[in-house]
Amino acid sequence: VFYFTLWFARKVGLDDEFAAILGSSVSICGVSAAIAAGGAVQGDSKKVSHTISLVLLCAIPMLILMPLIAKWVGMPPAVAGAWLGGTIDTTGAVVAAGAIAGPEAMGVAVVVKMAQNVLIGFAAFFLALWFAFKGQAAGGDKPSLMDIWTRFPKFVLGFIVASLVFSFFMPEAQAKAVTGTTAGLRGWWFTLAFLCIGLETKFSELIAMGGGKPAGVFLTAQAFNIIWTLILSYLIFGGILFPVPTF
């Protein structure tokens, strides 16, 4: 999905910076991936906020329509969950869509989405390398480790450290107690973050920016993502390549 987005964005005339941000958001996990990619390529904040707006606007109809379609066609729960988790670009929307599709589908959807979220660190690192060496090829200085460190989004490190600590160094009961305690704070920060995104977003700019090309690339890539992920979901979770998961 990332390479398709990169290829299509180049075809319509977008620069690699915008293409990398759009590709990361569609192929990994939406908002967080767009922010991480924007930091790694040292991109224009307008391109990042533009991509985030597209992610959020697409997530709303997808979280409602996709689980209803899965139910309507009689999709197996594991396949439906993998399809939802692999295509809807925000974790909260994945949980909501999974709740509509059913508890078994929601369980698979959350696991698939979290597996995608882990890829943020790898994507940010390789994007930082790519754009650092790309700058050298354009006549800049040879990139150093400090250049890579400067580009790498530091919140990804916090994500990795917290995941490792909560997964391997804390008892399950204690980990759940901590997340319960911080739920209110996380909710307020989440609300403030998206409020600020909304203050920066103008719907007229979503169409006007780049002549509508970024929006066209995002929607086309998302359509490709939906079809490609549906095929993989049936292959992996539908009993074709592997046994159907048991619940």
C-alpha atoms as a PDB file:
ATOM      1  CA  VAL A   1       0.000   0.000   0.000  1.00  0.00           C
ATOM      2  CA  PHE A   2       2.845   2.389   0.827  1.00  0.00           C
ATOM      3  CA  TYR A   3       4.617   1.788  -2.485  1.00  0.00           C
ATOM      4  CA  PHE A   4       1.367   2.088  -4.444  1.00  0.00           C
ATOM      5  CA  THR A   5       0.685   5.441  -2.780  1.00  0.00           C
ATOM      6  CA  LEU A   6       4.243   6.615  -3.459  1.00  0.00           C
ATOM      7  CA  TRP A   7       4.007   5.564  -7.117  1.00  0.00           C
ATOM      8  CA  PHE A   8       0.595   7.139  -7.683  1.00  0.00           C
ATOM      9  CA  ALA A   9       1.535  10.372  -5.886  1.00  0.00           C
ATOM     10  CA  ARG A  10       4.578  10.742  -8.136  1.00  0.00           C
ATOM     11  CA  LYS A  11       2.408  10.053 -11.194  1.00  0.00           C
ATOM     12  CA  VAL A  12       0.121  12.984 -10.400  1.00  0.00           C
ATOM     13  CA  GLY A  13       3.045  15.307  -9.619  1.00  0.00           C
ATOM     14  CA  LEU A  14       3.289  15.364  -5.807  1.00  0.00           C
ATOM     15  CA  ASP A  15       6.737  15.584  -4.226  1.00  0.00           C
ATOM     16  CA  ASP A  16       8.280  12.684  -2.302  1.00  0.00           C
ATOM     17  CA  GLU A  17       7.757  14.493   0.993  1.00  0.00           C
ATOM     18  CA  PHE A  18       3.979  14.639   0.569  1.00  0.00           C
ATOM     19  CA  ALA A  19       3.924  11.138  -0.939  1.00  0.00           C
ATOM     20  CA  ALA A  20       5.759   9.657   2.070  1.00  0.00           C
ATOM     21  CA  ILE A  21       3.388  11.304   4.548  1.00  0.00           C
ATOM     22  CA  LEU A  22       0.290  10.169   2.635  1.00  0.00           C
ATOM     23  CA  GLY A  23       1.678   6.662   2.113  1.00  0.00           C
ATOM     24  CA  SER A  24       2.562   6.199   5.775  1.00  0.00           C
ATOM     25  CA  SER A  25      -0.863   7.336   6.947  1.00  0.00           C
ATOM     26  CA  VAL A  26      -2.775   4.997   4.622  1.00  0.00           C
ATOM     27  CA  SER A  27      -0.536   1.964   5.030  1.00  0.00           C
ATOM     28  CA  ILE A  28       0.200   2.043   8.784  1.00  0.00           C
ATOM     29  CA  CYS A  29      -2.053   3.810  11.255  1.00  0.00           C
ATOM     30  CA  GLY A  30      -3.305   7.161  10.101  1.00  0.00           C
ATOM     31  CA  VAL A  31      -2.679  10.129  12.386  1.00  0.00           C
ATOM     32  CA  SER A  32       0.328   8.799  14.332  1.00  0.00           C
ATOM     33  CA  ALA A  33       2.014   7.562  11.171  1.00  0.00           C
ATOM     34  CA  ALA A  34       1.466  10.896   9.393  1.00  0.00           C
ATOM     35  CA  ILE A  35       3.045  12.771  12.324  1.00  0.00           C
ATOM     36  CA  ALA A  36       5.967  10.323  12.509  1.00  0.00           C
ATOM     37  CA  ALA A  37       6.551  10.473   8.753  1.00  0.00           C
ATOM     38  CA  GLY A  38       6.322  14.261   8.760  1.00  0.00           C
ATOM     39  CA  GLY A  39       9.042  14.446  11.402  1.00  0.00           C
ATOM     40  CA  ALA A  40      11.249  11.898   9.653  1.00  0.00           C
ATOM     41  CA  VAL A  41      11.166  13.735   6.320  1.00  0.00           C
ATOM     42  CA  GLN A  42      11.159  17.158   8.046  1.00  0.00           C
ATOM     43  CA  GLY A  43       8.001  17.925   6.129  1.00  0.00           C
ATOM     44  CA  ASP A  44       5.799  20.987   5.961  1.00  0.00           C
ATOM     45  CA  SER A  45       3.372  20.999   8.912  1.00  0.00           C
ATOM     46  CA  LYS A  46       0.576  21.991   6.492  1.00  0.00           C
ATOM     47  CA  LYS A  47       1.078  18.725   4.614  1.00  0.00           C
ATOM     48  CA  VAL A  48       0.886  16.769   7.857  1.00  0.00           C
ATOM     49  CA  SER A  49      -2.293  18.520   9.060  1.00  0.00           C
ATOM     50  CA  HIS A  50      -3.807  18.148   5.582  1.00  0.00           C
ATOM     51  CA  THR A  51      -3.148  14.395   5.672  1.00  0.00           C
ATOM     52  CA  ILE A  52      -4.546  14.091   9.202  1.00  0.00           C
ATOM     53  CA  SER A  53      -7.736  15.836   8.122  1.00  0.00           C
ATOM     54  CA  LEU A  54      -8.141  13.398   5.241  1.00  0.00           C
ATOM     55  CA  VAL A  55      -7.567  10.460   7.613  1.00  0.00           C
ATOM     56  CA  LEU A  56     -10.232  11.619  10.050  1.00  0.00           C
ATOM     57  CA  LEU A  57     -12.791  12.457   7.374  1.00  0.00           C
ATOM     58  CA  CYS A  58     -12.393   9.040   5.737  1.00  0.00           C
ATOM     59  CA  ALA A  59     -12.454   7.169   9.036  1.00  0.00           C
ATOM     60  CA  ILE A  60     -16.006   8.304   9.849  1.00  0.00           C
ATOM     61  CA  PRO A  61     -17.848   6.667   6.904  1.00  0.00           C
ATOM     62  CA  MET A  62     -15.477   3.680   6.929  1.00  0.00           C
ATOM     63  CA  LEU A  63     -16.108   2.804  10.593  1.00  0.00           C
ATOM     64  CA  ILE A  64     -19.865   2.760   9.941  1.00  0.00           C
ATOM     65  CA  LEU A  65     -20.125   1.273   6.444  1.00  0.00           C
ATOM     66  CA  MET A  66     -17.399  -1.385   6.481  1.00  0.00           C
ATOM     67  CA  PRO A  67     -18.717  -3.466   9.416  1.00  0.00           C
ATOM     68  CA  LEU A  68     -22.228  -3.242   7.967  1.00  0.00           C
ATOM     69  CA  ILE A  69     -20.935  -4.498   4.615  1.00  0.00           C
ATOM     70  CA  ALA A  70     -19.065  -7.318   6.373  1.00  0.00           C
ATOM     71  CA  LYS A  71     -22.283  -8.388   8.092  1.00  0.00           C
ATOM     72  CA  TRP A  72     -24.367  -8.016   4.930  1.00  0.00           C
ATOM     73  CA  VAL A  73     -22.133 -10.318   2.864  1.00  0.00           C
ATOM     74  CA  GLY A  74     -21.754 -12.821   5.706  1.00  0.00           C
ATOM     75  CA  MET A  75     -18.019 -12.320   6.145  1.00  0.00           C
ATOM     76  CA  PRO A  76     -16.450 -14.620   8.783  1.00  0.00           C
ATOM     77  CA  PRO A  77     -15.696 -12.707  12.016  1.00  0.00           C
ATOM     78  CA  ALA A  78     -11.913 -13.185  11.806  1.00  0.00           C
ATOM     79  CA  VAL A  79     -11.833 -12.007   8.189  1.00  0.00           C
ATOM     80  CA  ALA A  80     -14.058  -9.030   8.968  1.00  0.00           C
ATOM     81  CA  GLY A  81     -11.887  -8.059  11.935  1.00  0.00           C
ATOM     82  CA  ALA A  82      -8.661  -8.296   9.937  1.00  0.00           C
ATOM     83  CA  TRP A  83     -10.220  -6.226   7.152  1.00  0.00           C
ATOM     84  CA  LEU A  84     -11.343  -3.511   9.569  1.00  0.00           C
ATOM     85  CA  GLY A  85      -8.067  -3.463  11.511  1.00  0.00           C
ATOM     86  CA  GLY A  86      -5.965  -3.355   8.367  1.00  0.00           C
ATOM     87  CA  THR A  87      -7.801  -0.532   6.591  1.00  0.00           C
ATOM     88  CA  ILE A  88      -9.370   1.915   9.057  1.00  0.00           C
ATOM     89  CA  ASP A  89      -6.635   4.391   9.927  1.00  0.00           C
ATOM     90  CA  THR A  90      -7.218   5.265  13.579  1.00  0.00           C
ATOM     91  CA  THR A  91      -7.210   2.826  16.490  1.00  0.00           C
ATOM     92  CA  GLY A  92     -10.293   4.350  18.113  1.00  0.00           C
ATOM     93  CA  ALA A  93     -12.274   4.031  14.888  1.00  0.00           C
ATOM     94  CA  VAL A  94     -11.118   0.403  14.545  1.00  0.00           C
ATOM     95  CA  VAL A  95     -12.493  -0.410  18.003  1.00  0.00           C
ATOM     96  CA  ALA A  96     -15.796   1.312  17.177  1.00  0.00           C
ATOM     97  CA  ALA A  97     -16.107  -0.522  13.856  1.00  0.00           C
ATOM     98  CA  GLY A  98     -15.226  -3.817  15.530  1.00  0.00           C
ATOM     99  CA  ALA A  99     -17.967  -3.241  18.111  1.00  0.00           C
ATOM    100  CA  ILE A 100     -20.477  -2.928  15.260  1.00  0.00           C
ATOM    101  CA  ALA A 101     -19.173  -6.073  13.569  1.00  0.00           C
ATOM    102  CA  GLY A 102     -19.247  -8.140  16.774  1.00  0.00           C
ATOM    103  CA  PRO A 103     -16.953  -9.103  19.688  1.00  0.00           C
ATOM    104  CA  GLU A 104     -14.979 -11.741  17.765  1.00  0.00           C
ATOM    105  CA  ALA A 105     -14.341  -9.365  14.863  1.00  0.00           C
ATOM    106  CA  MET A 106     -13.364  -6.593  17.277  1.00  0.00           C
ATOM    107  CA  GLY A 107     -10.761  -8.815  18.959  1.00  0.00           C
ATOM    108  CA  VAL A 108      -9.044  -9.581  15.646  1.00  0.00           C
ATOM    109  CA  ALA A 109      -9.365  -5.978  14.444  1.00  0.00           C
ATOM    110  CA  VAL A 110      -7.600  -4.588  17.522  1.00  0.00           C
ATOM    111  CA  VAL A 111      -4.745  -7.125  17.292  1.00  0.00           C
ATOM    112  CA  VAL A 112      -4.211  -6.392  13.585  1.00  0.00           C
ATOM    113  CA  LYS A 113      -4.283  -2.625  14.162  1.00  0.00           C
ATOM    114  CA  MET A 114      -1.800  -2.833  17.057  1.00  0.00           C
ATOM    115  CA  ALA A 115       0.490  -4.971  14.886  1.00  0.00           C
ATOM    116  CA  GLN A 116       0.389  -2.186  12.294  1.00  0.00           C
ATOM    117  CA  ASN A 117       1.060   0.453  14.944  1.00  0.00           C
ATOM    118  CA  VAL A 118       4.354  -1.278  15.790  1.00  0.00           C
ATOM    119  CA  LEU A 119       5.545  -0.472  12.261  1.00  0.00           C
ATOM    120  CA  ILE A 120       5.619   3.275  13.026  1.00  0.00           C
ATOM    121  CA  GLY A 121       9.158   3.054  14.414  1.00  0.00           C
ATOM    122  CA  PHE A 122      10.525   1.098  11.452  1.00  0.00           C
ATOM    123  CA  ALA A 123       8.847   3.402   8.938  1.00  0.00           C
ATOM    124  CA  ALA A 124      10.119   6.558  10.659  1.00  0.00           C
ATOM    125  CA  PHE A 125      13.668   5.203  10.815  1.00  0.00           C
ATOM    126  CA  PHE A 126      13.832   4.202   7.156  1.00  0.00           C
ATOM    127  CA  LEU A 127      12.164   7.414   6.007  1.00  0.00           C
ATOM    128  CA  ALA A 128      14.734   9.402   7.994  1.00  0.00           C
ATOM    129  CA  LEU A 129      17.526   7.436   6.293  1.00  0.00           C
ATOM    130  CA  TRP A 130      15.990   7.852   2.839  1.00  0.00           C
ATOM    131  CA  PHE A 131      15.530  11.609   3.078  1.00  0.00           C
ATOM    132  CA  ALA A 132      18.909  12.157   4.726  1.00  0.00           C
ATOM    133  CA  PHE A 133      20.699  10.400   1.869  1.00  0.00           C
ATOM    134  CA  LYS A 134      18.377  12.029  -0.634  1.00  0.00           C
ATOM    135  CA  GLY A 135      19.567  15.404   0.654  1.00  0.00           C
ATOM    136  CA  GLN A 136      23.160  14.276   0.161  1.00  0.00           C
ATOM    137  CA  ALA A 137      22.407  13.224  -3.424  1.00  0.00           C
ATOM    138  CA  ALA A 138      20.966  16.685  -4.054  1.00  0.00           C
ATOM    139  CA  GLY A 139      24.288  18.255  -3.104  1.00  0.00           C
ATOM    140  CA  GLY A 140      24.011  18.449   0.661  1.00  0.00           C
ATOM    141  CA  ASP A 141      26.448  17.242   3.296  1.00  0.00           C
ATOM    142  CA  LYS A 142      26.937  13.558   4.004  1.00  0.00           C
ATOM    143  CA  PRO A 143      24.336  12.555   6.620  1.00  0.00           C
ATOM    144  CA  SER A 144      25.562  11.736  10.093  1.00  0.00           C
ATOM    145  CA  LEU A 145      24.013   9.795  12.949  1.00  0.00           C
ATOM    146  CA  MET A 146      23.010  13.131  14.465  1.00  0.00           C
ATOM    147  CA  ASP A 147      21.068  13.967  11.288  1.00  0.00           C
ATOM    148  CA  ILE A 148      19.138  10.704  11.596  1.00  0.00           C
ATOM    149  CA  TRP A 149      18.510  11.370  15.297  1.00  0.00           C
ATOM    150  CA  THR A 150      17.260  14.894  14.553  1.00  0.00           C
ATOM    151  CA  ARG A 151      14.818  13.595  11.960  1.00  0.00           C
ATOM    152  CA  PHE A 152      13.565  10.640  13.979  1.00  0.00           C
ATOM    153  CA  PRO A 153      10.298  11.488  15.832  1.00  0.00           C
ATOM    154  CA  LYS A 154      11.052  11.018  19.514  1.00  0.00           C
ATOM    155  CA  PHE A 155       7.495  10.087  20.516  1.00  0.00           C
ATOM    156  CA  VAL A 156       8.040   6.771  18.708  1.00  0.00           C
ATOM    157  CA  LEU A 157      10.746   5.916  21.248  1.00  0.00           C
ATOM    158  CA  GLY A 158       8.306   6.585  24.067  1.00  0.00           C
ATOM    159  CA  PHE A 159       5.773   4.343  22.353  1.00  0.00           C
ATOM    160  CA  ILE A 160       8.312   1.507  22.070  1.00  0.00           C
ATOM    161  CA  VAL A 161       9.613   1.850  25.643  1.00  0.00           C
ATOM    162  CA  ALA A 162       6.111   2.010  27.127  1.00  0.00           C
ATOM    163  CA  SER A 163       5.029  -1.030  25.089  1.00  0.00           C
ATOM    164  CA  LEU A 164       8.029  -3.055  26.252  1.00  0.00           C
ATOM    165  CA  VAL A 165       7.603  -2.082  29.909  1.00  0.00           C
ATOM    166  CA  PHE A 166       3.874  -2.781  29.991  1.00  0.00           C
ATOM    167  CA  SER A 167       4.260  -6.028  28.040  1.00  0.00           C
ATOM    168  CA  PHE A 168       7.217  -7.664  29.782  1.00  0.00           C
ATOM    169  CA  PHE A 169       8.099  -5.870  33.047  1.00  0.00           C
ATOM    170  CA  MET A 170       4.747  -5.220  34.733  1.00  0.00           C
ATOM    171  CA  PRO A 171       2.128  -7.661  36.007  1.00  0.00           C
ATOM    172  CA  GLU A 172      -1.077  -7.533  34.002  1.00  0.00           C
ATOM    173  CA  ALA A 173      -3.133  -6.268  36.946  1.00  0.00           C
ATOM    174  CA  GLN A 174      -0.697  -3.406  37.586  1.00  0.00           C
ATOM    175  CA  ALA A 175      -0.591  -2.457  33.892  1.00  0.00           C
ATOM    176  CA  LYS A 176      -4.391  -2.300  33.755  1.00  0.00           C
ATOM    177  CA  ALA A 177      -4.454  -0.201  36.924  1.00  0.00           C
ATOM    178  CA  VAL A 178      -2.049   2.336  35.386  1.00  0.00           C
ATOM    179  CA  THR A 179      -4.026   2.612  32.146  1.00  0.00           C
ATOM    180  CA  GLY A 180      -7.211   3.059  34.173  1.00  0.00           C
ATOM    181  CA  THR A 181      -5.649   5.857  36.199  1.00  0.00           C
ATOM    182  CA  THR A 182      -4.400   7.716  33.123  1.00  0.00           C
ATOM    183  CA  ALA A 183      -7.601   7.238  31.072  1.00  0.00           C
ATOM    184  CA  GLY A 184      -8.995  10.668  31.921  1.00  0.00           C
ATOM    185  CA  LEU A 185      -5.728  12.452  31.163  1.00  0.00           C
ATOM    186  CA  ARG A 186      -5.330  10.578  27.884  1.00  0.00           C
ATOM    187  CA  GLY A 187      -8.888  11.503  26.942  1.00  0.00           C
ATOM    188  CA  TRP A 188      -8.258  15.215  27.509  1.00  0.00           C
ATOM    189  CA  TRP A 189      -4.961  15.200  25.581  1.00  0.00           C
ATOM    190  CA  PHE A 190      -6.605  13.301  22.743  1.00  0.00           C
ATOM    191  CA  THR A 191      -9.459  15.817  22.659  1.00  0.00           C
ATOM    192  CA  LEU A 192      -7.105  18.808  22.706  1.00  0.00           C
ATOM    193  CA  ALA A 193      -4.922  17.331  19.968  1.00  0.00           C
ATOM    194  CA  PHE A 194      -7.844  16.844  17.608  1.00  0.00           C
ATOM    195  CA  LEU A 195      -9.358  20.193  18.536  1.00  0.00           C
ATOM    196  CA  CYS A 196      -6.086  21.835  17.445  1.00  0.00           C
ATOM    197  CA  ILE A 197      -6.120  19.816  14.218  1.00  0.00           C
ATOM    198  CA  GLY A 198      -9.655  21.053  13.603  1.00  0.00           C
ATOM    199  CA  LEU A 199      -8.603  24.663  14.170  1.00  0.00           C
ATOM    200  CA  GLU A 200      -5.919  24.260  11.502  1.00  0.00           C
ATOM    201  CA  THR A 201      -8.221  22.546   8.999  1.00  0.00           C
ATOM    202  CA  LYS A 202     -10.259  24.348   6.378  1.00  0.00           C
ATOM    203  CA  PHE A 203     -12.455  22.187   4.160  1.00  0.00           C
ATOM    204  CA  SER A 204     -11.886  24.543   1.257  1.00  0.00           C
ATOM    205  CA  GLU A 205      -8.139  23.851   1.514  1.00  0.00           C
ATOM    206  CA  LEU A 206      -8.685  20.078   1.301  1.00  0.00           C
ATOM    207  CA  ILE A 207      -9.935  20.627  -2.250  1.00  0.00           C
ATOM    208  CA  ALA A 208      -7.773  23.610  -3.152  1.00  0.00           C
ATOM    209  CA  MET A 209      -4.413  22.359  -1.856  1.00  0.00           C
ATOM    210  CA  GLY A 210      -2.371  21.030  -4.754  1.00  0.00           C
ATOM    211  CA  GLY A 211      -5.398  21.286  -7.014  1.00  0.00           C
ATOM    212  CA  GLY A 212      -7.056  18.477  -5.068  1.00  0.00           C
ATOM    213  CA  LYS A 213      -4.271  16.045  -5.971  1.00  0.00           C
ATOM    214  CA  PRO A 214      -3.357  15.062  -2.370  1.00  0.00           C
ATOM    215  CA  ALA A 215      -7.005  14.266  -1.603  1.00  0.00           C
ATOM    216  CA  GLY A 216      -7.275  12.295  -4.855  1.00  0.00           C
ATOM    217  CA  VAL A 217      -4.135  10.323  -4.045  1.00  0.00           C
ATOM    218  CA  PHE A 218      -5.349   9.572  -0.513  1.00  0.00           C
ATOM    219  CA  LEU A 219      -8.787   8.381  -1.643  1.00  0.00           C
ATOM    220  CA  THR A 220      -7.335   6.259  -4.449  1.00  0.00           C
ATOM    221  CA  ALA A 221      -4.767   4.720  -2.109  1.00  0.00           C
ATOM    222  CA  GLN A 222      -7.465   4.027   0.466  1.00  0.00           C
ATOM    223  CA  ALA A 223      -9.594   2.249  -2.163  1.00  0.00           C
ATOM    224  CA  PHE A 224      -6.565   0.141  -3.131  1.00  0.00           C
ATOM    225  CA  ASN A 225      -5.922  -0.525   0.573  1.00  0.00           C
ATOM    226  CA  ILE A 226      -9.512  -1.738   1.118  1.00  0.00           C
ATOM    227  CA  ILE A 227      -9.359  -4.210  -1.793  1.00  0.00           C
ATOM    228  CA  TRP A 228      -5.811  -5.444  -1.104  1.00  0.00           C
ATOM    229  CA  THR A 229      -6.448  -5.921   2.618  1.00  0.00           C
ATOM    230  CA  LEU A 230      -9.699  -7.776   1.932  1.00  0.00           C
ATOM    231  CA  ILE A 231      -7.806 -10.266  -0.256  1.00  0.00           C
ATOM    232  CA  LEU A 232      -5.093 -10.737   2.392  1.00  0.00           C
ATOM    233  CA  SER A 233      -7.708 -11.097   5.135  1.00  0.00           C
ATOM    234  CA  TYR A 234      -9.363 -14.004   3.346  1.00  0.00           C
ATOM    235  CA  LEU A 235      -6.000 -15.613   2.563  1.00  0.00           C
ATOM    236  CA  ILE A 236      -4.613 -15.351   6.101  1.00  0.00           C
ATOM    237  CA  PHE A 237      -7.713 -15.468   8.329  1.00  0.00           C
ATOM    238  CA  GLY A 238     -10.190 -17.274   6.085  1.00  0.00           C
ATOM    239  CA  GLY A 239      -8.676 -20.743   6.310  1.00  0.00           C
ATOM    240  CA  ILE A 240      -6.876 -20.660   2.946  1.00  0.00           C
ATOM    241  CA  LEU A 241      -3.228 -20.318   3.997  1.00  0.00           C
ATOM    242  CA  PHE A 242      -3.662 -20.903   7.744  1.00  0.00           C
ATOM    243  CA  PRO A 243      -6.313 -22.461  10.013  1.00  0.00           C
ATOM    244  CA  VAL A 244      -9.171 -20.158  10.946  1.00  0.00           C
ATOM    245  CA  PRO A 245      -8.460 -18.582  14.384  1.00  0.00           C
ATOM    246  CA  THR A 246     -10.432 -19.982  17.292  1.00  0.00           C
ATOM    247  CA  PHE A 247     -12.033 -17.744  19.919  1.00  0.00           C
END
